[in-house]
Amino acid sequence: MIEYTAYLTSSLVEQLSLLAMRDYGLTMIEALSLVYNSQWYEKVTDVDTGLYIQSAAYNYRLLRHEVAFGKVV
């Protein structure tokens, strides 16, 4: 189970970083820093939230909300 959740989380980090690069004009390092240092990342790595099984689009909405308002919904 741990390997599965780690794989899904890594995939989300990759996808969200690419979206952040596109939408915010960030470099790869900046986008990865944004994602890994976010409240969203804390929540997605907590398996009890179930965020790791949600789509990248859903998770990206949460990250965008955090960027705009300083917190995850």
PDB file of N, CA and C in Angstrom:
ATOM      1  N   MET A   1       0.831  -1.201   0.000  1.00  0.00           N
ATOM      2  CA  MET A   1       0.000   0.000   0.000  1.00  0.00           C
ATOM      3  C   MET A   1       0.869   1.256   0.000  1.00  0.00           C
ATOM      4  N   ILE A   2       1.952   1.268   0.760  1.00  0.00           N
ATOM      5  CA  ILE A   2       2.801   2.447   0.838  1.00  0.00           C
ATOM      6  C   ILE A   2       3.416   2.766  -0.514  1.00  0.00           C
ATOM      7  N   GLU A   3       3.878   1.752  -1.249  1.00  0.00           N
ATOM      8  CA  GLU A   3       4.469   1.991  -2.550  1.00  0.00           C
ATOM      9  C   GLU A   3       3.446   2.582  -3.516  1.00  0.00           C
ATOM     10  N   TYR A   4       2.218   2.106  -3.438  1.00  0.00           N
ATOM     11  CA  TYR A   4       1.151   2.575  -4.306  1.00  0.00           C
ATOM     12  C   TYR A   4       0.844   4.046  -4.025  1.00  0.00           C
ATOM     13  N   THR A   5       0.706   4.405  -2.757  1.00  0.00           N
ATOM     14  CA  THR A   5       0.400   5.800  -2.426  1.00  0.00           C
ATOM     15  C   THR A   5       1.569   6.715  -2.771  1.00  0.00           C
ATOM     16  N   ALA A   6       2.799   6.232  -2.570  1.00  0.00           N
ATOM     17  CA  ALA A   6       3.974   7.041  -2.913  1.00  0.00           C
ATOM     18  C   ALA A   6       4.028   7.273  -4.418  1.00  0.00           C
ATOM     19  N   TYR A   7       3.710   6.260  -5.199  1.00  0.00           N
ATOM     20  CA  TYR A   7       3.701   6.404  -6.659  1.00  0.00           C
ATOM     21  C   TYR A   7       2.653   7.428  -7.091  1.00  0.00           C
ATOM     22  N   LEU A   8       1.441   7.311  -6.558  1.00  0.00           N
ATOM     23  CA  LEU A   8       0.373   8.238  -6.937  1.00  0.00           C
ATOM     24  C   LEU A   8       0.706   9.667  -6.510  1.00  0.00           C
ATOM     25  N   THR A   9       1.273   9.809  -5.318  1.00  0.00           N
ATOM     26  CA  THR A   9       1.661  11.138  -4.839  1.00  0.00           C
ATOM     27  C   THR A   9       2.740  11.734  -5.729  1.00  0.00           C
ATOM     28  N   SER A  10       3.737  10.942  -6.083  1.00  0.00           N
ATOM     29  CA  SER A  10       4.808  11.418  -6.964  1.00  0.00           C
ATOM     30  C   SER A  10       4.256  11.844  -8.322  1.00  0.00           C
ATOM     31  N   SER A  11       3.317  11.089  -8.825  1.00  0.00           N
ATOM     32  CA  SER A  11       2.695  11.424 -10.100  1.00  0.00           C
ATOM     33  C   SER A  11       1.946  12.754  -9.998  1.00  0.00           C
ATOM     34  N   LEU A  12       1.243  12.965  -8.905  1.00  0.00           N
ATOM     35  CA  LEU A  12       0.535  14.229  -8.710  1.00  0.00           C
ATOM     36  C   LEU A  12       1.511  15.395  -8.601  1.00  0.00           C
ATOM     37  N   VAL A  13       2.595  15.197  -7.882  1.00  0.00           N
ATOM     38  CA  VAL A  13       3.594  16.256  -7.745  1.00  0.00           C
ATOM     39  C   VAL A  13       4.127  16.639  -9.119  1.00  0.00           C
ATOM     40  N   GLU A  14       4.412  15.649  -9.938  1.00  0.00           N
ATOM     41  CA  GLU A  14       4.912  15.919 -11.285  1.00  0.00           C
ATOM     42  C   GLU A  14       3.884  16.706 -12.095  1.00  0.00           C
ATOM     43  N   GLN A  15       2.648  16.250 -12.096  1.00  0.00           N
ATOM     44  CA  GLN A  15       1.609  16.896 -12.890  1.00  0.00           C
ATOM     45  C   GLN A  15       1.323  18.311 -12.400  1.00  0.00           C
ATOM     46  N   LEU A  16       1.242  18.500 -11.091  1.00  0.00           N
ATOM     47  CA  LEU A  16       0.962  19.820 -10.547  1.00  0.00           C
ATOM     48  C   LEU A  16       2.121  20.780 -10.781  1.00  0.00           C
ATOM     49  N   SER A  17       3.331  20.272 -10.732  1.00  0.00           N
ATOM     50  CA  SER A  17       4.497  21.111 -11.011  1.00  0.00           C
ATOM     51  C   SER A  17       4.474  21.594 -12.455  1.00  0.00           C
ATOM     52  N   LEU A  18       4.143  20.702 -13.374  1.00  0.00           N
ATOM     53  CA  LEU A  18       4.058  21.092 -14.785  1.00  0.00           C
ATOM     54  C   LEU A  18       2.958  22.135 -15.009  1.00  0.00           C
ATOM     55  N   LEU A  19       1.829  21.952 -14.350  1.00  0.00           N
ATOM     56  CA  LEU A  19       0.744  22.927 -14.474  1.00  0.00           C
ATOM     57  C   LEU A  19       1.141  24.273 -13.884  1.00  0.00           C
ATOM     58  N   ALA A  20       1.832  24.259 -12.756  1.00  0.00           N
ATOM     59  CA  ALA A  20       2.282  25.507 -12.127  1.00  0.00           C
ATOM     60  C   ALA A  20       3.307  26.213 -13.012  1.00  0.00           C
ATOM     61  N   MET A  21       4.175  25.446 -13.656  1.00  0.00           N
ATOM     62  CA  MET A  21       5.140  26.042 -14.577  1.00  0.00           C
ATOM     63  C   MET A  21       4.407  26.768 -15.700  1.00  0.00           C
ATOM     64  N   ARG A  22       3.397  26.118 -16.228  1.00  0.00           N
ATOM     65  CA  ARG A  22       2.631  26.689 -17.335  1.00  0.00           C
ATOM     66  C   ARG A  22       1.848  27.931 -16.891  1.00  0.00           C
ATOM     67  N   ASP A  23       1.109  27.800 -15.790  1.00  0.00           N
ATOM     68  CA  ASP A  23       0.190  28.857 -15.388  1.00  0.00           C
ATOM     69  C   ASP A  23       0.851  30.043 -14.691  1.00  0.00           C
ATOM     70  N   TYR A  24       1.940  29.789 -13.965  1.00  0.00           N
ATOM     71  CA  TYR A  24       2.586  30.850 -13.199  1.00  0.00           C
ATOM     72  C   TYR A  24       3.936  31.261 -13.777  1.00  0.00           C
ATOM     73  N   GLY A  25       4.347  30.630 -14.867  1.00  0.00           N
ATOM     74  CA  GLY A  25       5.609  30.983 -15.490  1.00  0.00           C
ATOM     75  C   GLY A  25       6.822  30.657 -14.635  1.00  0.00           C
ATOM     76  N   LEU A  26       6.728  29.584 -13.862  1.00  0.00           N
ATOM     77  CA  LEU A  26       7.808  29.199 -12.959  1.00  0.00           C
ATOM     78  C   LEU A  26       8.809  28.285 -13.655  1.00  0.00           C
ATOM     79  N   THR A  27      10.016  28.279 -13.135  1.00  0.00           N
ATOM     80  CA  THR A  27      10.988  27.286 -13.566  1.00  0.00           C
ATOM     81  C   THR A  27      10.628  25.961 -12.908  1.00  0.00           C
ATOM     82  N   MET A  28      11.279  24.895 -13.338  1.00  0.00           N
ATOM     83  CA  MET A  28      11.006  23.597 -12.739  1.00  0.00           C
ATOM     84  C   MET A  28      11.318  23.607 -11.241  1.00  0.00           C
ATOM     85  N   ILE A  29      12.437  24.186 -10.873  1.00  0.00           N
ATOM     86  CA  ILE A  29      12.834  24.236  -9.461  1.00  0.00           C
ATOM     87  C   ILE A  29      11.826  25.042  -8.649  1.00  0.00           C
ATOM     88  N   GLU A  30      11.388  26.172  -9.184  1.00  0.00           N
ATOM     89  CA  GLU A  30      10.400  27.008  -8.484  1.00  0.00           C
ATOM     90  C   GLU A  30       9.072  26.272  -8.321  1.00  0.00           C
ATOM     91  N   ALA A  31       8.649  25.583  -9.373  1.00  0.00           N
ATOM     92  CA  ALA A  31       7.379  24.853  -9.318  1.00  0.00           C
ATOM     93  C   ALA A  31       7.452  23.708  -8.323  1.00  0.00           C
ATOM     94  N   LEU A  32       8.548  22.961  -8.337  1.00  0.00           N
ATOM     95  CA  LEU A  32       8.701  21.872  -7.368  1.00  0.00           C
ATOM     96  C   LEU A  32       8.745  22.414  -5.945  1.00  0.00           C
ATOM     97  N   SER A  33       9.407  23.527  -5.758  1.00  0.00           N
ATOM     98  CA  SER A  33       9.457  24.155  -4.438  1.00  0.00           C
ATOM     99  C   SER A  33       8.060  24.576  -3.992  1.00  0.00           C
ATOM    100  N   LEU A  34       7.306  25.161  -4.901  1.00  0.00           N
ATOM    101  CA  LEU A  34       5.932  25.561  -4.589  1.00  0.00           C
ATOM    102  C   LEU A  34       5.115  24.360  -4.120  1.00  0.00           C
ATOM    103  N   VAL A  35       5.196  23.286  -4.874  1.00  0.00           N
ATOM    104  CA  VAL A  35       4.398  22.099  -4.562  1.00  0.00           C
ATOM    105  C   VAL A  35       4.860  21.440  -3.262  1.00  0.00           C
ATOM    106  N   TYR A  36       6.162  21.178  -3.138  1.00  0.00           N
ATOM    107  CA  TYR A  36       6.669  20.466  -1.962  1.00  0.00           C
ATOM    108  C   TYR A  36       6.557  21.274  -0.671  1.00  0.00           C
ATOM    109  N   ASN A  37       6.531  22.592  -0.760  1.00  0.00           N
ATOM    110  CA  ASN A  37       6.436  23.429   0.439  1.00  0.00           C
ATOM    111  C   ASN A  37       5.021  23.914   0.723  1.00  0.00           C
ATOM    112  N   SER A  38       4.050  23.315   0.088  1.00  0.00           N
ATOM    113  CA  SER A  38       2.658  23.747   0.247  1.00  0.00           C
ATOM    114  C   SER A  38       1.936  22.948   1.327  1.00  0.00           C
ATOM    115  N   GLN A  39       0.848  23.541   1.805  1.00  0.00           N
ATOM    116  CA  GLN A  39      -0.052  22.815   2.704  1.00  0.00           C
ATOM    117  C   GLN A  39      -0.670  21.641   1.960  1.00  0.00           C
ATOM    118  N   TRP A  40      -0.910  21.842   0.670  1.00  0.00           N
ATOM    119  CA  TRP A  40      -1.480  20.757  -0.128  1.00  0.00           C
ATOM    120  C   TRP A  40      -0.620  19.508  -0.023  1.00  0.00           C
ATOM    121  N   TYR A  41       0.710  19.663  -0.132  1.00  0.00           N
ATOM    122  CA  TYR A  41       1.598  18.509  -0.081  1.00  0.00           C
ATOM    123  C   TYR A  41       1.490  17.797   1.265  1.00  0.00           C
ATOM    124  N   GLU A  42       1.380  18.561   2.334  1.00  0.00           N
ATOM    125  CA  GLU A  42       1.196  17.955   3.654  1.00  0.00           C
ATOM    126  C   GLU A  42      -0.071  17.107   3.677  1.00  0.00           C
ATOM    127  N   LYS A  43      -1.118  17.624   3.064  1.00  0.00           N
ATOM    128  CA  LYS A  43      -2.393  16.898   3.065  1.00  0.00           C
ATOM    129  C   LYS A  43      -2.377  15.680   2.148  1.00  0.00           C
ATOM    130  N   VAL A  44      -1.753  15.788   0.972  1.00  0.00           N
ATOM    131  CA  VAL A  44      -1.750  14.669   0.035  1.00  0.00           C
ATOM    132  C   VAL A  44      -0.906  13.514   0.566  1.00  0.00           C
ATOM    133  N   THR A  45       0.104  13.800   1.369  1.00  0.00           N
ATOM    134  CA  THR A  45       0.937  12.736   1.923  1.00  0.00           C
ATOM    135  C   THR A  45       0.303  12.093   3.152  1.00  0.00           C
ATOM    136  N   ASP A  46      -0.785  12.661   3.638  1.00  0.00           N
ATOM    137  CA  ASP A  46      -1.559  12.049   4.720  1.00  0.00           C
ATOM    138  C   ASP A  46      -2.607  11.144   4.062  1.00  0.00           C
ATOM    139  N   VAL A  47      -2.391   9.832   4.106  1.00  0.00           N
ATOM    140  CA  VAL A  47      -3.265   8.902   3.386  1.00  0.00           C
ATOM    141  C   VAL A  47      -4.713   8.972   3.861  1.00  0.00           C
ATOM    142  N   ASP A  48      -4.937   9.455   5.070  1.00  0.00           N
ATOM    143  CA  ASP A  48      -6.302   9.545   5.582  1.00  0.00           C
ATOM    144  C   ASP A  48      -7.151  10.564   4.818  1.00  0.00           C
ATOM    145  N   THR A  49      -6.518  11.534   4.162  1.00  0.00           N
ATOM    146  CA  THR A  49      -7.293  12.526   3.404  1.00  0.00           C
ATOM    147  C   THR A  49      -7.832  11.952   2.104  1.00  0.00           C
ATOM    148  N   GLY A  50      -7.144  10.953   1.546  1.00  0.00           N
ATOM    149  CA  GLY A  50      -7.563  10.361   0.289  1.00  0.00           C
ATOM    150  C   GLY A  50      -7.268  11.219  -0.927  1.00  0.00           C
ATOM    151  N   LEU A  51      -6.555  12.327  -0.745  1.00  0.00           N
ATOM    152  CA  LEU A  51      -6.261  13.202  -1.882  1.00  0.00           C
ATOM    153  C   LEU A  51      -5.398  12.525  -2.931  1.00  0.00           C
ATOM    154  N   TYR A  52      -4.576  11.589  -2.527  1.00  0.00           N
ATOM    155  CA  TYR A  52      -3.673  10.929  -3.473  1.00  0.00           C
ATOM    156  C   TYR A  52      -4.421  10.128  -4.535  1.00  0.00           C
ATOM    157  N   ILE A  53      -5.693   9.820  -4.313  1.00  0.00           N
ATOM    158  CA  ILE A  53      -6.464   9.081  -5.319  1.00  0.00           C
ATOM    159  C   ILE A  53      -7.363   9.998  -6.162  1.00  0.00           C
ATOM    160  N   GLN A  54      -7.349  11.280  -5.854  1.00  0.00           N
ATOM    161  CA  GLN A  54      -8.130  12.237  -6.629  1.00  0.00           C
ATOM    162  C   GLN A  54      -7.353  12.639  -7.883  1.00  0.00           C
ATOM    163  N   SER A  55      -8.048  13.204  -8.826  1.00  0.00           N
ATOM    164  CA  SER A  55      -7.420  13.584 -10.100  1.00  0.00           C
ATOM    165  C   SER A  55      -6.448  14.747  -9.917  1.00  0.00           C
ATOM    166  N   ALA A  56      -5.561  14.888 -10.884  1.00  0.00           N
ATOM    167  CA  ALA A  56      -4.630  16.014 -10.873  1.00  0.00           C
ATOM    168  C   ALA A  56      -5.396  17.330 -10.980  1.00  0.00           C
ATOM    169  N   ALA A  57      -6.456  17.352 -11.768  1.00  0.00           N
ATOM    170  CA  ALA A  57      -7.256  18.577 -11.918  1.00  0.00           C
ATOM    171  C   ALA A  57      -7.860  18.995 -10.580  1.00  0.00           C
ATOM    172  N   TYR A  58      -8.406  18.048  -9.851  1.00  0.00           N
ATOM    173  CA  TYR A  58      -8.989  18.342  -8.542  1.00  0.00           C
ATOM    174  C   TYR A  58      -7.916  18.869  -7.591  1.00  0.00           C
ATOM    175  N   ASN A  59      -6.793  18.182  -7.539  1.00  0.00           N
ATOM    176  CA  ASN A  59      -5.715  18.586  -6.649  1.00  0.00           C
ATOM    177  C   ASN A  59      -5.116  19.928  -7.061  1.00  0.00           C
ATOM    178  N   TYR A  60      -5.056  20.190  -8.351  1.00  0.00           N
ATOM    179  CA  TYR A  60      -4.511  21.467  -8.803  1.00  0.00           C
ATOM    180  C   TYR A  60      -5.424  22.622  -8.399  1.00  0.00           C
ATOM    181  N   ARG A  61      -6.720  22.404  -8.408  1.00  0.00           N
ATOM    182  CA  ARG A  61      -7.639  23.439  -7.917  1.00  0.00           C
ATOM    183  C   ARG A  61      -7.337  23.770  -6.462  1.00  0.00           C
ATOM    184  N   LEU A  62      -7.052  22.744  -5.663  1.00  0.00           N
ATOM    185  CA  LEU A  62      -6.707  22.979  -4.255  1.00  0.00           C
ATOM    186  C   LEU A  62      -5.407  23.766  -4.127  1.00  0.00           C
ATOM    187  N   LEU A  63      -4.414  23.401  -4.926  1.00  0.00           N
ATOM    188  CA  LEU A  63      -3.136  24.110  -4.881  1.00  0.00           C
ATOM    189  C   LEU A  63      -3.303  25.556  -5.339  1.00  0.00           C
ATOM    190  N   ARG A  64      -4.050  25.788  -6.400  1.00  0.00           N
ATOM    191  CA  ARG A  64      -4.288  27.158  -6.880  1.00  0.00           C
ATOM    192  C   ARG A  64      -4.990  27.990  -5.817  1.00  0.00           C
ATOM    193  N   HIS A  65      -5.937  27.362  -5.113  1.00  0.00           N
ATOM    194  CA  HIS A  65      -6.633  28.071  -4.039  1.00  0.00           C
ATOM    195  C   HIS A  65      -5.638  28.451  -2.944  1.00  0.00           C
ATOM    196  N   GLU A  66      -4.750  27.539  -2.613  1.00  0.00           N
ATOM    197  CA  GLU A  66      -3.744  27.835  -1.602  1.00  0.00           C
ATOM    198  C   GLU A  66      -2.831  28.980  -2.052  1.00  0.00           C
ATOM    199  N   VAL A  67      -2.422  28.979  -3.297  1.00  0.00           N
ATOM    200  CA  VAL A  67      -1.565  30.053  -3.811  1.00  0.00           C
ATOM    201  C   VAL A  67      -2.302  31.393  -3.734  1.00  0.00           C
ATOM    202  N   ALA A  68      -3.572  31.379  -4.089  1.00  0.00           N
ATOM    203  CA  ALA A  68      -4.351  32.629  -4.123  1.00  0.00           C
ATOM    204  C   ALA A  68      -4.714  33.136  -2.734  1.00  0.00           C
ATOM    205  N   PHE A  69      -5.057  32.226  -1.821  1.00  0.00           N
ATOM    206  CA  PHE A  69      -5.606  32.623  -0.533  1.00  0.00           C
ATOM    207  C   PHE A  69      -4.776  32.214   0.678  1.00  0.00           C
ATOM    208  N   GLY A  70      -3.687  31.514   0.452  1.00  0.00           N
ATOM    209  CA  GLY A  70      -2.803  31.163   1.550  1.00  0.00           C
ATOM    210  C   GLY A  70      -3.185  29.934   2.343  1.00  0.00           C
ATOM    211  N   LYS A  71      -4.234  29.231   1.906  1.00  0.00           N
ATOM    212  CA  LYS A  71      -4.617  28.014   2.605  1.00  0.00           C
ATOM    213  C   LYS A  71      -5.390  27.089   1.688  1.00  0.00           C
ATOM    214  N   VAL A  72      -5.317  25.808   2.010  1.00  0.00           N
ATOM    215  CA  VAL A  72      -6.082  24.804   1.265  1.00  0.00           C
ATOM    216  C   VAL A  72      -7.508  24.840   1.783  1.00  0.00           C
ATOM    217  N   VAL A  73      -8.447  24.655   0.890  1.00  0.00           N
ATOM    218  CA  VAL A  73      -9.872  24.668   1.274  1.00  0.00           C
ATOM    219  C   VAL A  73     -10.135  23.570   2.266  1.00  0.00           C
TER     220      VAL A  73
END
